[in-house]
PDB file of all heavy atoms in Angstrom:
ATOM      1  N   SER A   1     -19.920 -16.302   8.257  1.00  0.00           N
ATOM      2  CA  SER A   1     -19.189 -17.389   8.751  1.00  0.00           C
ATOM      3  C   SER A   1     -19.669 -17.786  10.130  1.00  0.00           C
ATOM      4  O   SER A   1     -19.953 -16.939  10.961  1.00  0.00           O
ATOM      5  CB  SER A   1     -17.659 -17.155   8.825  1.00  0.00           C
ATOM      6  OG  SER A   1     -17.000 -18.205   9.447  1.00  0.00           O
ATOM      7  N   GLN A   2     -19.797 -19.063  10.416  1.00  0.00           N
ATOM      8  CA  GLN A   2     -20.229 -19.539  11.740  1.00  0.00           C
ATOM      9  C   GLN A   2     -19.102 -19.311  12.721  1.00  0.00           C
ATOM     10  O   GLN A   2     -19.247 -19.045  13.907  1.00  0.00           O
ATOM     11  CB  GLN A   2     -20.416 -21.079  11.657  1.00  0.00           C
ATOM     12  CG  GLN A   2     -20.746 -21.713  12.982  1.00  0.00           C
ATOM     13  CD  GLN A   2     -20.862 -23.251  12.901  1.00  0.00           C
ATOM     14  OE1 GLN A   2     -20.669 -23.747  11.761  1.00  0.00           O
ATOM     15  NE2 GLN A   2     -21.236 -23.871  13.912  1.00  0.00           N
ATOM     16  N   HIS A   3     -17.770 -19.346  12.294  1.00  0.00           N
ATOM     17  CA  HIS A   3     -16.622 -19.261  13.221  1.00  0.00           C
ATOM     18  C   HIS A   3     -15.818 -18.047  13.038  1.00  0.00           C
ATOM     19  O   HIS A   3     -14.801 -17.907  13.754  1.00  0.00           O
ATOM     20  CB  HIS A   3     -15.709 -20.505  12.968  1.00  0.00           C
ATOM     21  CG  HIS A   3     -16.412 -21.877  13.251  1.00  0.00           C
ATOM     22  ND1 HIS A   3     -17.237 -21.958  14.379  1.00  0.00           N
ATOM     23  CD2 HIS A   3     -16.377 -22.999  12.678  1.00  0.00           C
ATOM     24  CE1 HIS A   3     -17.683 -23.219  14.376  1.00  0.00           C
ATOM     25  NE2 HIS A   3     -17.196 -23.888  13.314  1.00  0.00           N
ATOM     26  N   GLY A   4     -16.177 -17.116  12.149  1.00  0.00           N
ATOM     27  CA  GLY A   4     -15.362 -15.913  11.908  1.00  0.00           C
ATOM     28  C   GLY A   4     -14.275 -16.071  10.941  1.00  0.00           C
ATOM     29  O   GLY A   4     -13.957 -17.316  10.521  1.00  0.00           O
ATOM     30  N   PRO A   5     -13.632 -15.027  10.429  1.00  0.00           N
ATOM     31  CA  PRO A   5     -12.589 -15.120   9.377  1.00  0.00           C
ATOM     32  C   PRO A   5     -11.220 -15.424   9.998  1.00  0.00           C
ATOM     33  O   PRO A   5     -11.058 -15.495  11.240  1.00  0.00           O
ATOM     34  CB  PRO A   5     -12.585 -13.765   8.804  1.00  0.00           C
ATOM     35  CG  PRO A   5     -12.950 -12.851   9.900  1.00  0.00           C
ATOM     36  CD  PRO A   5     -13.922 -13.617  10.832  1.00  0.00           C
ATOM     37  N   GLY A   6     -10.187 -15.658   9.124  1.00  0.00           N
ATOM     38  CA  GLY A   6      -8.911 -15.989   9.670  1.00  0.00           C
ATOM     39  C   GLY A   6      -7.786 -16.058   8.622  1.00  0.00           C
ATOM     40  O   GLY A   6      -6.598 -16.121   9.025  1.00  0.00           O
ATOM     41  N   ALA A   7      -8.098 -16.247   7.335  1.00  0.00           N
ATOM     42  CA  ALA A   7      -7.097 -16.378   6.321  1.00  0.00           C
ATOM     43  C   ALA A   7      -6.275 -15.055   6.204  1.00  0.00           C
ATOM     44  O   ALA A   7      -6.792 -13.961   6.510  1.00  0.00           O
ATOM     45  CB  ALA A   7      -7.714 -16.702   4.971  1.00  0.00           C
ATOM     46  N   SER A   8      -5.068 -15.076   5.735  1.00  0.00           N
ATOM     47  CA  SER A   8      -4.194 -13.959   5.663  1.00  0.00           C
ATOM     48  C   SER A   8      -3.923 -13.467   4.274  1.00  0.00           C
ATOM     49  O   SER A   8      -3.815 -14.263   3.332  1.00  0.00           O
ATOM     50  CB  SER A   8      -2.808 -14.350   6.379  1.00  0.00           C
ATOM     51  OG  SER A   8      -3.025 -14.777   7.695  1.00  0.00           O
ATOM     52  N   PRO A   9      -3.691 -12.185   4.164  1.00  0.00           N
ATOM     53  CA  PRO A   9      -3.285 -11.624   2.822  1.00  0.00           C
ATOM     54  C   PRO A   9      -1.839 -11.951   2.569  1.00  0.00           C
ATOM     55  O   PRO A   9      -1.044 -12.153   3.465  1.00  0.00           O
ATOM     56  CB  PRO A   9      -3.478 -10.147   2.998  1.00  0.00           C
ATOM     57  CG  PRO A   9      -3.244  -9.841   4.472  1.00  0.00           C
ATOM     58  CD  PRO A   9      -3.796 -11.123   5.169  1.00  0.00           C
ATOM     59  N   ILE A  10      -1.456 -11.967   1.241  1.00  0.00           N
ATOM     60  CA  ILE A  10      -0.083 -12.157   0.863  1.00  0.00           C
ATOM     61  C   ILE A  10       0.224 -11.204  -0.199  1.00  0.00           C
ATOM     62  O   ILE A  10      -0.628 -10.771  -1.041  1.00  0.00           O
ATOM     63  CB  ILE A  10       0.260 -13.594   0.382  1.00  0.00           C
ATOM     64  CG1 ILE A  10      -0.521 -14.008  -0.819  1.00  0.00           C
ATOM     65  CG2 ILE A  10       0.055 -14.570   1.528  1.00  0.00           C
ATOM     66  CD1 ILE A  10      -0.063 -15.328  -1.479  1.00  0.00           C
ATOM     67  N   VAL A  11       1.498 -10.760  -0.296  1.00  0.00           N
ATOM     68  CA  VAL A  11       1.924  -9.836  -1.437  1.00  0.00           C
ATOM     69  C   VAL A  11       2.510 -10.634  -2.492  1.00  0.00           C
ATOM     70  O   VAL A  11       3.407 -11.429  -2.312  1.00  0.00           O
ATOM     71  CB  VAL A  11       2.944  -8.850  -0.795  1.00  0.00           C
ATOM     72  CG1 VAL A  11       3.557  -7.966  -1.915  1.00  0.00           C
ATOM     73  CG2 VAL A  11       2.345  -7.959   0.209  1.00  0.00           C
ATOM     74  N   VAL A  12       1.966 -10.421  -3.702  1.00  0.00           N
ATOM     75  CA  VAL A  12       2.446 -11.113  -4.904  1.00  0.00           C
ATOM     76  C   VAL A  12       2.582 -10.181  -6.004  1.00  0.00           C
ATOM     77  O   VAL A  12       1.603  -9.549  -6.472  1.00  0.00           O
ATOM     78  CB  VAL A  12       1.469 -12.215  -5.324  1.00  0.00           C
ATOM     79  CG1 VAL A  12       1.969 -12.945  -6.558  1.00  0.00           C
ATOM     80  CG2 VAL A  12       1.180 -13.204  -4.188  1.00  0.00           C
ATOM     81  N   GLY A  13       3.799  -9.850  -6.442  1.00  0.00           N
ATOM     82  CA  GLY A  13       3.998  -8.868  -7.462  1.00  0.00           C
ATOM     83  C   GLY A  13       3.492  -7.518  -7.089  1.00  0.00           C
ATOM     84  O   GLY A  13       3.793  -7.004  -6.012  1.00  0.00           O
ATOM     85  N   GLU A  14       2.704  -6.885  -7.951  1.00  0.00           N
ATOM     86  CA  GLU A  14       2.207  -5.579  -7.724  1.00  0.00           C
ATOM     87  C   GLU A  14       0.851  -5.620  -6.915  1.00  0.00           C
ATOM     88  O   GLU A  14       0.221  -4.588  -6.750  1.00  0.00           O
ATOM     89  CB  GLU A  14       1.929  -4.823  -9.058  1.00  0.00           C
ATOM     90  CG  GLU A  14       3.282  -4.551  -9.840  1.00  0.00           C
ATOM     91  CD  GLU A  14       4.263  -3.793  -9.012  1.00  0.00           C
ATOM     92  OE1 GLU A  14       3.830  -2.784  -8.424  1.00  0.00           O
ATOM     93  OE2 GLU A  14       5.378  -4.162  -8.932  1.00  0.00           O
ATOM     94  N   ASN A  15       0.460  -6.783  -6.501  1.00  0.00           N
ATOM     95  CA  ASN A  15      -0.859  -6.936  -5.812  1.00  0.00           C
ATOM     96  C   ASN A  15      -0.725  -7.496  -4.436  1.00  0.00           C
ATOM     97  O   ASN A  15       0.342  -8.078  -4.118  1.00  0.00           O
ATOM     98  CB  ASN A  15      -1.751  -7.861  -6.662  1.00  0.00           C
ATOM     99  CG  ASN A  15      -2.019  -7.328  -8.055  1.00  0.00           C
ATOM    100  OD1 ASN A  15      -2.151  -6.181  -8.264  1.00  0.00           O
ATOM    101  ND2 ASN A  15      -2.130  -8.262  -8.978  1.00  0.00           N
ATOM    102  N   VAL A  16      -1.755  -7.280  -3.676  1.00  0.00           N
ATOM    103  CA  VAL A  16      -1.936  -7.964  -2.381  1.00  0.00           C
ATOM    104  C   VAL A  16      -3.149  -8.904  -2.610  1.00  0.00           C
ATOM    105  O   VAL A  16      -4.278  -8.417  -3.054  1.00  0.00           O
ATOM    106  CB  VAL A  16      -2.026  -7.035  -1.182  1.00  0.00           C
ATOM    107  CG1 VAL A  16      -3.148  -6.058  -1.359  1.00  0.00           C
ATOM    108  CG2 VAL A  16      -2.251  -7.824   0.120  1.00  0.00           C
ATOM    109  N   VAL A  17      -3.023 -10.166  -2.237  1.00  0.00           N
ATOM    110  CA  VAL A  17      -3.989 -11.186  -2.548  1.00  0.00           C
ATOM    111  C   VAL A  17      -4.681 -11.620  -1.268  1.00  0.00           C
ATOM    112  O   VAL A  17      -3.939 -11.925  -0.249  1.00  0.00           O
ATOM    113  CB  VAL A  17      -3.494 -12.361  -3.333  1.00  0.00           C
ATOM    114  CG1 VAL A  17      -4.510 -13.440  -3.578  1.00  0.00           C
ATOM    115  CG2 VAL A  17      -2.853 -11.910  -4.599  1.00  0.00           C
ATOM    116  N   ILE A  18      -5.989 -11.702  -1.234  1.00  0.00           N
ATOM    117  CA  ILE A  18      -6.685 -12.132  -0.044  1.00  0.00           C
ATOM    118  C   ILE A  18      -7.807 -13.115  -0.428  1.00  0.00           C
ATOM    119  O   ILE A  18      -8.648 -12.846  -1.376  1.00  0.00           O
ATOM    120  CB  ILE A  18      -7.307 -10.949   0.731  1.00  0.00           C
ATOM    121  CG1 ILE A  18      -7.983 -11.410   2.041  1.00  0.00           C
ATOM    122  CG2 ILE A  18      -8.224 -10.162  -0.055  1.00  0.00           C
ATOM    123  CD1 ILE A  18      -7.082 -11.973   3.081  1.00  0.00           C
ATOM    124  N   PRO A  19      -7.914 -14.287   0.119  1.00  0.00           N
ATOM    125  CA  PRO A  19      -9.043 -15.242  -0.126  1.00  0.00           C
ATOM    126  C   PRO A  19     -10.228 -14.799   0.726  1.00  0.00           C
ATOM    127  O   PRO A  19     -10.102 -14.501   1.978  1.00  0.00           O
ATOM    128  CB  PRO A  19      -8.504 -16.540   0.281  1.00  0.00           C
ATOM    129  CG  PRO A  19      -7.522 -16.277   1.399  1.00  0.00           C
ATOM    130  CD  PRO A  19      -6.945 -14.927   1.021  1.00  0.00           C
ATOM    131  N   ILE A  20     -11.400 -14.822   0.164  1.00  0.00           N
ATOM    132  CA  ILE A  20     -12.685 -14.548   0.932  1.00  0.00           C
ATOM    133  C   ILE A  20     -13.528 -15.868   0.796  1.00  0.00           C
ATOM    134  O   ILE A  20     -14.448 -15.868   0.037  1.00  0.00           O
ATOM    135  CB  ILE A  20     -13.410 -13.339   0.394  1.00  0.00           C
ATOM    136  CG1 ILE A  20     -12.449 -12.049   0.380  1.00  0.00           C
ATOM    137  CG2 ILE A  20     -14.573 -12.973   1.280  1.00  0.00           C
ATOM    138  CD1 ILE A  20     -13.031 -10.878  -0.228  1.00  0.00           C
ATOM    139  N   GLU A  21     -13.096 -16.866   1.520  1.00  0.00           N
ATOM    140  CA  GLU A  21     -13.785 -18.146   1.422  1.00  0.00           C
ATOM    141  C   GLU A  21     -14.754 -18.198   2.609  1.00  0.00           C
ATOM    142  O   GLU A  21     -14.299 -18.283   3.754  1.00  0.00           O
ATOM    143  CB  GLU A  21     -12.744 -19.329   1.621  1.00  0.00           C
ATOM    144  CG  GLU A  21     -11.670 -19.287   0.540  1.00  0.00           C
ATOM    145  CD  GLU A  21     -12.090 -20.069  -0.698  1.00  0.00           C
ATOM    146  OE1 GLU A  21     -13.234 -20.512  -0.782  1.00  0.00           O
ATOM    147  OE2 GLU A  21     -11.192 -20.232  -1.587  1.00  0.00           O
ATOM    148  N   GLN A  22     -15.989 -18.031   2.399  1.00  0.00           N
ATOM    149  CA  GLN A  22     -17.024 -17.939   3.421  1.00  0.00           C
ATOM    150  C   GLN A  22     -18.177 -18.866   3.242  1.00  0.00           C
ATOM    151  O   GLN A  22     -18.174 -19.743   2.341  1.00  0.00           O
ATOM    152  CB  GLN A  22     -17.533 -16.410   3.428  1.00  0.00           C
ATOM    153  CG  GLN A  22     -18.169 -16.029   2.029  1.00  0.00           C
ATOM    154  CD  GLN A  22     -18.668 -14.628   2.109  1.00  0.00           C
ATOM    155  OE1 GLN A  22     -19.038 -14.101   3.079  1.00  0.00           O
ATOM    156  NE2 GLN A  22     -18.682 -13.979   0.886  1.00  0.00           N
ATOM    157  N   ASP A  23     -19.135 -18.792   4.185  1.00  0.00           N
ATOM    158  CA  ASP A  23     -20.377 -19.623   4.096  1.00  0.00           C
ATOM    159  C   ASP A  23     -21.303 -18.975   3.077  1.00  0.00           C
ATOM    160  O   ASP A  23     -22.369 -18.439   3.457  1.00  0.00           O
ATOM    161  CB  ASP A  23     -20.991 -19.736   5.461  1.00  0.00           C
ATOM    162  CG  ASP A  23     -20.100 -20.409   6.468  1.00  0.00           C
ATOM    163  OD1 ASP A  23     -19.154 -20.957   6.048  1.00  0.00           O
ATOM    164  OD2 ASP A  23     -20.498 -20.368   7.686  1.00  0.00           O
ATOM    165  N   GLY A  24     -20.978 -19.034   1.809  1.00  0.00           N
ATOM    166  CA  GLY A  24     -21.754 -18.374   0.835  1.00  0.00           C
ATOM    167  C   GLY A  24     -20.884 -18.080  -0.375  1.00  0.00           C
ATOM    168  O   GLY A  24     -19.707 -18.667  -0.544  1.00  0.00           O
ATOM    169  N   PRO A  25     -21.286 -17.269  -1.362  1.00  0.00           N
ATOM    170  CA  PRO A  25     -20.501 -16.912  -2.559  1.00  0.00           C
ATOM    171  C   PRO A  25     -19.115 -16.458  -2.099  1.00  0.00           C
ATOM    172  O   PRO A  25     -18.966 -15.487  -1.421  1.00  0.00           O
ATOM    173  CB  PRO A  25     -21.339 -15.827  -3.183  1.00  0.00           C
ATOM    174  CG  PRO A  25     -22.732 -16.026  -2.712  1.00  0.00           C
ATOM    175  CD  PRO A  25     -22.608 -16.493  -1.319  1.00  0.00           C
ATOM    176  N   SER A  26     -18.079 -17.129  -2.615  1.00  0.00           N
ATOM    177  CA  SER A  26     -16.735 -16.901  -2.189  1.00  0.00           C
ATOM    178  C   SER A  26     -15.846 -16.488  -3.440  1.00  0.00           C
ATOM    179  O   SER A  26     -16.251 -16.691  -4.621  1.00  0.00           O
ATOM    180  CB  SER A  26     -16.082 -18.131  -1.573  1.00  0.00           C
ATOM    181  OG  SER A  26     -16.830 -18.518  -0.390  1.00  0.00           O
ATOM    182  N   ARG A  27     -14.764 -15.891  -3.129  1.00  0.00           N
ATOM    183  CA  ARG A  27     -13.752 -15.439  -4.240  1.00  0.00           C
ATOM    184  C   ARG A  27     -12.443 -15.196  -3.625  1.00  0.00           C
ATOM    185  O   ARG A  27     -12.268 -15.202  -2.383  1.00  0.00           O
ATOM    186  CB  ARG A  27     -14.304 -14.165  -4.858  1.00  0.00           C
ATOM    187  CG  ARG A  27     -14.509 -13.026  -3.835  1.00  0.00           C
ATOM    188  CD  ARG A  27     -15.118 -11.731  -4.487  1.00  0.00           C
ATOM    189  NE  ARG A  27     -15.374 -10.688  -3.583  1.00  0.00           N
ATOM    190  CZ  ARG A  27     -15.358  -9.442  -3.837  1.00  0.00           C
ATOM    191  NH1 ARG A  27     -15.016  -8.992  -5.055  1.00  0.00           N
ATOM    192  NH2 ARG A  27     -15.682  -8.561  -2.913  1.00  0.00           N
ATOM    193  N   ILE A  28     -11.507 -15.145  -4.493  1.00  0.00           N
ATOM    194  CA  ILE A  28     -10.131 -14.753  -4.170  1.00  0.00           C
ATOM    195  C   ILE A  28      -9.868 -13.400  -4.941  1.00  0.00           C
ATOM    196  O   ILE A  28     -10.125 -13.362  -6.160  1.00  0.00           O
ATOM    197  CB  ILE A  28      -9.077 -15.822  -4.404  1.00  0.00           C
ATOM    198  CG1 ILE A  28      -7.667 -15.283  -4.018  1.00  0.00           C
ATOM    199  CG2 ILE A  28      -9.068 -16.294  -5.796  1.00  0.00           C
ATOM    200  CD1 ILE A  28      -6.628 -16.409  -4.018  1.00  0.00           C
ATOM    201  N   VAL A  29      -9.314 -12.432  -4.183  1.00  0.00           N
ATOM    202  CA  VAL A  29      -9.276 -11.073  -4.754  1.00  0.00           C
ATOM    203  C   VAL A  29      -7.820 -10.603  -4.753  1.00  0.00           C
ATOM    204  O   VAL A  29      -7.144 -10.775  -3.737  1.00  0.00           O
ATOM    205  CB  VAL A  29     -10.121 -10.078  -3.993  1.00  0.00           C
ATOM    206  CG1 VAL A  29     -10.052  -8.711  -4.491  1.00  0.00           C
ATOM    207  CG2 VAL A  29     -11.659 -10.550  -3.977  1.00  0.00           C
TER     208      VAL A  29
END
């Protein structure tokens, strides 16, 4: 990333979800 990361994780059911939206191949995990 040109500007660094900043999105936050959230708790949903039995999982914790984090977006990895970057300058390149991205995913939500």
